[in-house]
Amino acid sequence: MAYENALSSSPPPLGPTPQPVMNITRKVDYQLERLEAELKRSRIAIREAAQQKNHTIHIEDEDYVPNGPIYRNANAFHRSYLEMEKKFKIYIYPEGEPPLFHDGPCQSIYSMEGRFIHDIQKKNRFTTNDPEKAHGPHVSWAIPYLTKNSIRVLCNANSSERFNPSKDVSLPEINLKTPDPYGIIGGPSPSHRPTLAFFAGGMHGPIRPGLLKHWKGKDDDMKVYEYLPKHVSYYDIMKKSKFCLCPSGYEVASPRIVEAIYAECVPVIISDHYVLPFSDVLDWKAFSVEVSMADIPN
């Protein structure tokens, strides 16, 4: 009897009364409808820009105007970027003690991770403390569905490891030795570059052993090294080369692709299953060469 009385006279729950599930569901539905409406307007604006024959720029959009054959559609890319600047927000939520990767390095082969973490934590115009303003799910909603529904942003975009180019995003891998990359940017014109092609790197992964076997020390025009001679500058010889070989190592991605572009050296991409960065926007055939593993001897 005492047990039954205790159950019937239990104290009210502490804290605020929980919100009815129906009200929460309606709120979520409204937020998603509003988000979808905004995204629909952006898609229409991008589609209309893609159909324009001439690139019309408004005065407020004059910061940067993309042009040239490297873009699949410069108008669509420009409008897409402007829509992103106006609407894209990432919800930053409190999480207690920062995990180790919050101190991502900014001057190593993991520069991409370090730069991303650094810029996100500055709380710039792309971040918000209001989850209702974020263009995407609340992080706590996304966690149970990470393996299925999340959009992965990877610098090692390997299609053989379930990277989905129709949904996921491929970012370029960068290796910054110093905070300032401008000392390695640019170079002479092709007619003033005496070397046809250049590569220097360790013999790891499935592709590089074949490259070094067929070309290391075999041709004066193809300067292929496992290790550079002492007192020879990696970036100097890259700037003296017309083509820079970018074979995969342990992973499909290579920071040499970005280094070659910095040095205005045509990247020669030798990789299997690599989804090239921003390939939905950039026409890589316009400024790079792809070579299969089978064609390395040729």
Foldseek 3Di string as FASTA:
>chain_A
DVVVVCVVPPDDDDDDDDDDPVVVVVVVVVLVVVLVVLVVVLVVQLVVQQPDPDQDDDPVLPPDQDDDDFWPGRSSVSSNVVSCLVQAEAADDDDPDDDPLLCPDCAFQRNVSNVVSVVVVVVDSRYDNDQSSHSDHDVVVCVVVVVPPDAAEECQQFVVVVRDVVGHAHDAGAHHNDPDPLVLAEADDLVQQQAAEEDEAAPADDQRVLLCVQDDVPDPNYPYYPHDDPPDDPSVNLLSYQEYEAEDGNTQHGNVCVSSVRSVHAYEREGPRGDDGPVVTTDSVVGHHYDYSVRSND
